[in-house]
């Protein structure tokens, strides 16, 4: 179960990156709109850290507006 959850989180980072690139947005643009640093966003996209619920919520709200 834990490995399945980790696999889903890995896919989430890739999906967030795909979304950002498909919309032709930079890390800086997205980070400023979801209130986090570019570095943190990059780490999430590259699966180096797990995003917080707050970050995911901010990303979701941002994606609904564009």
PDB file of N, CA and C in Angstrom:
ATOM      1  N   UNK A   1       0.817  -1.194   0.000  1.00  0.00           N
ATOM      2  CA  UNK A   1       0.000   0.000   0.000  1.00  0.00           C
ATOM      3  C   UNK A   1       0.864   1.262   0.000  1.00  0.00           C
ATOM      4  N   UNK A   2       1.918   1.267   0.798  1.00  0.00           N
ATOM      5  CA  UNK A   2       2.796   2.431   0.857  1.00  0.00           C
ATOM      6  C   UNK A   2       3.478   2.658  -0.486  1.00  0.00           C
ATOM      7  N   UNK A   3       3.938   1.590  -1.128  1.00  0.00           N
ATOM      8  CA  UNK A   3       4.615   1.755  -2.419  1.00  0.00           C
ATOM      9  C   UNK A   3       3.639   2.247  -3.482  1.00  0.00           C
ATOM     10  N   UNK A   4       2.386   1.837  -3.409  1.00  0.00           N
ATOM     11  CA  UNK A   4       1.377   2.319  -4.357  1.00  0.00           C
ATOM     12  C   UNK A   4       1.126   3.813  -4.150  1.00  0.00           C
ATOM     13  N   UNK A   5       1.046   4.227  -2.901  1.00  0.00           N
ATOM     14  CA  UNK A   5       0.851   5.646  -2.598  1.00  0.00           C
ATOM     15  C   UNK A   5       2.041   6.455  -3.104  1.00  0.00           C
ATOM     16  N   UNK A   6       3.252   5.940  -2.912  1.00  0.00           N
ATOM     17  CA  UNK A   6       4.452   6.638  -3.388  1.00  0.00           C
ATOM     18  C   UNK A   6       4.450   6.730  -4.913  1.00  0.00           C
ATOM     19  N   UNK A   7       4.025   5.665  -5.578  1.00  0.00           N
ATOM     20  CA  UNK A   7       3.954   5.675  -7.042  1.00  0.00           C
ATOM     21  C   UNK A   7       2.974   6.740  -7.525  1.00  0.00           C
ATOM     22  N   UNK A   8       1.860   6.890  -6.825  1.00  0.00           N
ATOM     23  CA  UNK A   8       0.890   7.911  -7.196  1.00  0.00           C
ATOM     24  C   UNK A   8       1.452   9.309  -7.006  1.00  0.00           C
ATOM     25  N   UNK A   9       2.237   9.523  -5.946  1.00  0.00           N
ATOM     26  CA  UNK A   9       2.851  10.818  -5.721  1.00  0.00           C
ATOM     27  C   UNK A   9       3.882  11.121  -6.798  1.00  0.00           C
ATOM     28  N   UNK A  10       4.613  10.111  -7.233  1.00  0.00           N
ATOM     29  CA  UNK A  10       5.585  10.302  -8.309  1.00  0.00           C
ATOM     30  C   UNK A  10       4.862  10.742  -9.569  1.00  0.00           C
ATOM     31  N   UNK A  11       3.765  10.107  -9.864  1.00  0.00           N
ATOM     32  CA  UNK A  11       2.987  10.490 -11.040  1.00  0.00           C
ATOM     33  C   UNK A  11       2.435  11.902 -10.894  1.00  0.00           C
ATOM     34  N   UNK A  12       2.085  12.302  -9.672  1.00  0.00           N
ATOM     35  CA  UNK A  12       1.537  13.627  -9.451  1.00  0.00           C
ATOM     36  C   UNK A  12       2.541  14.702  -9.834  1.00  0.00           C
ATOM     37  N   UNK A  13       3.781  14.548  -9.432  1.00  0.00           N
ATOM     38  CA  UNK A  13       4.799  15.528  -9.792  1.00  0.00           C
ATOM     39  C   UNK A  13       4.943  15.664 -11.298  1.00  0.00           C
ATOM     40  N   UNK A  14       4.963  14.546 -11.987  1.00  0.00           N
ATOM     41  CA  UNK A  14       5.071  14.569 -13.450  1.00  0.00           C
ATOM     42  C   UNK A  14       3.840  15.214 -14.073  1.00  0.00           C
ATOM     43  N   UNK A  15       2.678  14.941 -13.519  1.00  0.00           N
ATOM     44  CA  UNK A  15       1.440  15.528 -14.055  1.00  0.00           C
ATOM     45  C   UNK A  15       1.398  17.036 -13.835  1.00  0.00           C
ATOM     46  N   UNK A  16       1.859  17.476 -12.680  1.00  0.00           N
ATOM     47  CA  UNK A  16       1.908  18.919 -12.431  1.00  0.00           C
ATOM     48  C   UNK A  16       2.854  19.602 -13.414  1.00  0.00           C
ATOM     49  N   UNK A  17       3.988  18.967 -13.656  1.00  0.00           N
ATOM     50  CA  UNK A  17       4.953  19.536 -14.613  1.00  0.00           C
ATOM     51  C   UNK A  17       4.377  19.554 -16.032  1.00  0.00           C
ATOM     52  N   UNK A  18       3.731  18.465 -16.440  1.00  0.00           N
ATOM     53  CA  UNK A  18       3.111  18.407 -17.766  1.00  0.00           C
ATOM     54  C   UNK A  18       2.069  19.504 -17.931  1.00  0.00           C
ATOM     55  N   UNK A  19       1.262  19.710 -16.898  1.00  0.00           N
ATOM     56  CA  UNK A  19       0.245  20.757 -16.943  1.00  0.00           C
ATOM     57  C   UNK A  19       0.896  22.125 -17.132  1.00  0.00           C
ATOM     58  N   UNK A  20       1.914  22.399 -16.332  1.00  0.00           N
ATOM     59  CA  UNK A  20       2.591  23.696 -16.413  1.00  0.00           C
ATOM     60  C   UNK A  20       3.195  23.928 -17.787  1.00  0.00           C
ATOM     61  N   UNK A  21       3.853  22.915 -18.306  1.00  0.00           N
ATOM     62  CA  UNK A  21       4.484  23.053 -19.628  1.00  0.00           C
ATOM     63  C   UNK A  21       3.447  23.178 -20.738  1.00  0.00           C
ATOM     64  N   UNK A  22       2.354  22.450 -20.624  1.00  0.00           N
ATOM     65  CA  UNK A  22       1.288  22.531 -21.633  1.00  0.00           C
ATOM     66  C   UNK A  22       0.688  23.932 -21.691  1.00  0.00           C
ATOM     67  N   UNK A  23       0.650  24.604 -20.551  1.00  0.00           N
ATOM     68  CA  UNK A  23       0.123  25.974 -20.486  1.00  0.00           C
ATOM     69  C   UNK A  23       1.201  27.016 -20.765  1.00  0.00           C
ATOM     70  N   UNK A  24       2.428  26.536 -21.049  1.00  0.00           N
ATOM     71  CA  UNK A  24       3.570  27.404 -21.342  1.00  0.00           C
ATOM     72  C   UNK A  24       3.853  28.388 -20.213  1.00  0.00           C
ATOM     73  N   UNK A  25       3.816  27.868 -18.993  1.00  0.00           N
ATOM     74  CA  UNK A  25       4.088  28.673 -17.810  1.00  0.00           C
ATOM     75  C   UNK A  25       5.459  28.337 -17.256  1.00  0.00           C
ATOM     76  N   UNK A  26       6.117  29.334 -16.722  1.00  0.00           N
ATOM     77  CA  UNK A  26       7.413  29.113 -16.090  1.00  0.00           C
ATOM     78  C   UNK A  26       7.214  28.719 -14.629  1.00  0.00           C
ATOM     79  N   UNK A  27       8.259  28.166 -14.039  1.00  0.00           N
ATOM     80  CA  UNK A  27       8.215  27.874 -12.611  1.00  0.00           C
ATOM     81  C   UNK A  27       7.933  29.152 -11.816  1.00  0.00           C
ATOM     82  N   UNK A  28       8.551  30.233 -12.232  1.00  0.00           N
ATOM     83  CA  UNK A  28       8.382  31.507 -11.529  1.00  0.00           C
ATOM     84  C   UNK A  28       6.928  31.961 -11.562  1.00  0.00           C
ATOM     85  N   UNK A  29       6.277  31.862 -12.705  1.00  0.00           N
ATOM     86  CA  UNK A  29       4.878  32.283 -12.818  1.00  0.00           C
ATOM     87  C   UNK A  29       3.966  31.462 -11.910  1.00  0.00           C
ATOM     88  N   UNK A  30       4.132  30.163 -11.952  1.00  0.00           N
ATOM     89  CA  UNK A  30       3.277  29.293 -11.141  1.00  0.00           C
ATOM     90  C   UNK A  30       3.581  29.477  -9.665  1.00  0.00           C
ATOM     91  N   UNK A  31       4.842  29.526  -9.319  1.00  0.00           N
ATOM     92  CA  UNK A  31       5.223  29.664  -7.908  1.00  0.00           C
ATOM     93  C   UNK A  31       4.630  30.935  -7.305  1.00  0.00           C
ATOM     94  N   UNK A  32       4.663  32.021  -8.036  1.00  0.00           N
ATOM     95  CA  UNK A  32       4.115  33.272  -7.495  1.00  0.00           C
ATOM     96  C   UNK A  32       2.602  33.181  -7.319  1.00  0.00           C
ATOM     97  N   UNK A  33       1.951  32.422  -8.158  1.00  0.00           N
ATOM     98  CA  UNK A  33       0.485  32.318  -8.070  1.00  0.00           C
ATOM     99  C   UNK A  33       0.007  31.309  -7.033  1.00  0.00           C
ATOM    100  N   UNK A  34       0.839  30.334  -6.700  1.00  0.00           N
ATOM    101  CA  UNK A  34       0.439  29.352  -5.687  1.00  0.00           C
ATOM    102  C   UNK A  34       1.145  29.602  -4.354  1.00  0.00           C
ATOM    103  N   UNK A  35       1.878  30.714  -4.284  1.00  0.00           N
ATOM    104  CA  UNK A  35       2.526  31.160  -3.053  1.00  0.00           C
ATOM    105  C   UNK A  35       3.546  30.165  -2.504  1.00  0.00           C
ATOM    106  N   UNK A  36       4.506  29.809  -3.365  1.00  0.00           N
ATOM    107  CA  UNK A  36       5.634  28.989  -2.920  1.00  0.00           C
ATOM    108  C   UNK A  36       6.857  29.414  -3.724  1.00  0.00           C
ATOM    109  N   UNK A  37       7.998  28.893  -3.382  1.00  0.00           N
ATOM    110  CA  UNK A  37       9.215  29.249  -4.101  1.00  0.00           C
ATOM    111  C   UNK A  37       9.357  28.406  -5.375  1.00  0.00           C
ATOM    112  N   UNK A  38      10.118  28.927  -6.301  1.00  0.00           N
ATOM    113  CA  UNK A  38      10.416  28.164  -7.521  1.00  0.00           C
ATOM    114  C   UNK A  38      11.122  26.866  -7.171  1.00  0.00           C
ATOM    115  N   UNK A  39      12.022  26.951  -6.202  1.00  0.00           N
ATOM    116  CA  UNK A  39      12.781  25.778  -5.780  1.00  0.00           C
ATOM    117  C   UNK A  39      11.856  24.681  -5.257  1.00  0.00           C
ATOM    118  N   UNK A  40      10.901  25.065  -4.424  1.00  0.00           N
ATOM    119  CA  UNK A  40       9.978  24.067  -3.884  1.00  0.00           C
ATOM    120  C   UNK A  40       9.143  23.449  -4.999  1.00  0.00           C
ATOM    121  N   UNK A  41       8.658  24.272  -5.886  1.00  0.00           N
ATOM    122  CA  UNK A  41       7.846  23.774  -6.992  1.00  0.00           C
ATOM    123  C   UNK A  41       8.646  22.809  -7.860  1.00  0.00           C
ATOM    124  N   UNK A  42       9.893  23.137  -8.132  1.00  0.00           N
ATOM    125  CA  UNK A  42      10.756  22.261  -8.906  1.00  0.00           C
ATOM    126  C   UNK A  42      10.955  20.918  -8.204  1.00  0.00           C
ATOM    127  N   UNK A  43      11.167  20.977  -6.898  1.00  0.00           N
ATOM    128  CA  UNK A  43      11.346  19.740  -6.131  1.00  0.00           C
ATOM    129  C   UNK A  43      10.091  18.874  -6.169  1.00  0.00           C
ATOM    130  N   UNK A  44       8.928  19.497  -6.119  1.00  0.00           N
ATOM    131  CA  UNK A  44       7.671  18.743  -6.216  1.00  0.00           C
ATOM    132  C   UNK A  44       7.572  18.093  -7.589  1.00  0.00           C
ATOM    133  N   UNK A  45       7.807  18.878  -8.639  1.00  0.00           N
ATOM    134  CA  UNK A  45       7.704  18.353 -10.001  1.00  0.00           C
ATOM    135  C   UNK A  45       8.694  17.222 -10.262  1.00  0.00           C
ATOM    136  N   UNK A  46       9.844  17.283  -9.636  1.00  0.00           N
ATOM    137  CA  UNK A  46      10.878  16.264  -9.837  1.00  0.00           C
ATOM    138  C   UNK A  46      10.860  15.182  -8.764  1.00  0.00           C
ATOM    139  N   UNK A  47       9.776  15.168  -7.981  1.00  0.00           N
ATOM    140  CA  UNK A  47       9.545  14.126  -6.974  1.00  0.00           C
ATOM    141  C   UNK A  47      10.641  14.042  -5.911  1.00  0.00           C
ATOM    142  N   UNK A  48      11.214  15.184  -5.583  1.00  0.00           N
ATOM    143  CA  UNK A  48      12.208  15.210  -4.513  1.00  0.00           C
ATOM    144  C   UNK A  48      11.564  15.482  -3.163  1.00  0.00           C
ATOM    145  N   UNK A  49      10.373  16.122  -3.187  1.00  0.00           N
ATOM    146  CA  UNK A  49       9.594  16.320  -1.971  1.00  0.00           C
ATOM    147  C   UNK A  49       8.123  16.054  -2.272  1.00  0.00           C
ATOM    148  N   UNK A  50       7.373  15.766  -1.226  1.00  0.00           N
ATOM    149  CA  UNK A  50       5.935  15.556  -1.355  1.00  0.00           C
ATOM    150  C   UNK A  50       5.244  16.890  -1.104  1.00  0.00           C
ATOM    151  N   UNK A  51       4.341  17.298  -1.993  1.00  0.00           N
ATOM    152  CA  UNK A  51       3.673  18.585  -1.799  1.00  0.00           C
ATOM    153  C   UNK A  51       2.721  18.549  -0.606  1.00  0.00           C
ATOM    154  N   UNK A  52       2.592  19.679   0.056  1.00  0.00           N
ATOM    155  CA  UNK A  52       1.636  19.788   1.155  1.00  0.00           C
ATOM    156  C   UNK A  52       0.224  19.906   0.584  1.00  0.00           C
ATOM    157  N   UNK A  53      -0.744  19.675   1.432  1.00  0.00           N
ATOM    158  CA  UNK A  53      -2.140  19.849   1.019  1.00  0.00           C
ATOM    159  C   UNK A  53      -2.374  21.300   0.608  1.00  0.00           C
ATOM    160  N   UNK A  54      -1.788  22.230   1.345  1.00  0.00           N
ATOM    161  CA  UNK A  54      -1.936  23.641   1.013  1.00  0.00           C
ATOM    162  C   UNK A  54      -1.396  23.984  -0.366  1.00  0.00           C
ATOM    163  N   UNK A  55      -0.246  23.430  -0.701  1.00  0.00           N
ATOM    164  CA  UNK A  55       0.330  23.674  -2.022  1.00  0.00           C
ATOM    165  C   UNK A  55      -0.552  23.076  -3.112  1.00  0.00           C
ATOM    166  N   UNK A  56      -1.032  21.867  -2.898  1.00  0.00           N
ATOM    167  CA  UNK A  56      -1.911  21.234  -3.879  1.00  0.00           C
ATOM    168  C   UNK A  56      -3.213  22.018  -4.048  1.00  0.00           C
ATOM    169  N   UNK A  57      -3.729  22.519  -2.938  1.00  0.00           N
ATOM    170  CA  UNK A  57      -4.958  23.309  -2.998  1.00  0.00           C
ATOM    171  C   UNK A  57      -4.710  24.600  -3.795  1.00  0.00           C
ATOM    172  N   UNK A  58      -3.587  25.267  -3.521  1.00  0.00           N
ATOM    173  CA  UNK A  58      -3.247  26.470  -4.267  1.00  0.00           C
ATOM    174  C   UNK A  58      -3.090  26.193  -5.749  1.00  0.00           C
ATOM    175  N   UNK A  59      -2.467  25.076  -6.084  1.00  0.00           N
ATOM    176  CA  UNK A  59      -2.280  24.703  -7.488  1.00  0.00           C
ATOM    177  C   UNK A  59      -3.636  24.458  -8.154  1.00  0.00           C
ATOM    178  N   UNK A  60      -4.515  23.762  -7.428  1.00  0.00           N
ATOM    179  CA  UNK A  60      -5.846  23.476  -7.959  1.00  0.00           C
ATOM    180  C   UNK A  60      -6.610  24.771  -8.210  1.00  0.00           C
ATOM    181  N   UNK A  61      -6.582  25.692  -7.249  1.00  0.00           N
ATOM    182  CA  UNK A  61      -7.276  26.968  -7.429  1.00  0.00           C
ATOM    183  C   UNK A  61      -6.702  27.727  -8.622  1.00  0.00           C
ATOM    184  N   UNK A  62      -5.401  27.732  -8.738  1.00  0.00           N
ATOM    185  CA  UNK A  62      -4.746  28.411  -9.865  1.00  0.00           C
ATOM    186  C   UNK A  62      -5.162  27.773 -11.191  1.00  0.00           C
ATOM    187  N   UNK A  63      -5.171  26.460 -11.245  1.00  0.00           N
ATOM    188  CA  UNK A  63      -5.501  25.775 -12.504  1.00  0.00           C
ATOM    189  C   UNK A  63      -6.942  26.000 -12.918  1.00  0.00           C
ATOM    190  N   UNK A  64      -7.816  26.249 -11.967  1.00  0.00           N
ATOM    191  CA  UNK A  64      -9.222  26.525 -12.275  1.00  0.00           C
ATOM    192  C   UNK A  64      -9.398  27.902 -12.914  1.00  0.00           C
ATOM    193  N   UNK A  65      -8.468  28.808 -12.654  1.00  0.00           N
ATOM    194  CA  UNK A  65      -8.580  30.180 -13.158  1.00  0.00           C
ATOM    195  C   UNK A  65      -7.943  30.381 -14.519  1.00  0.00           C
ATOM    196  N   UNK A  66      -7.127  29.437 -14.965  1.00  0.00           N
ATOM    197  CA  UNK A  66      -6.470  29.648 -16.263  1.00  0.00           C
ATOM    198  C   UNK A  66      -7.096  28.814 -17.354  1.00  0.00           C
TER     199      UNK A  66
END
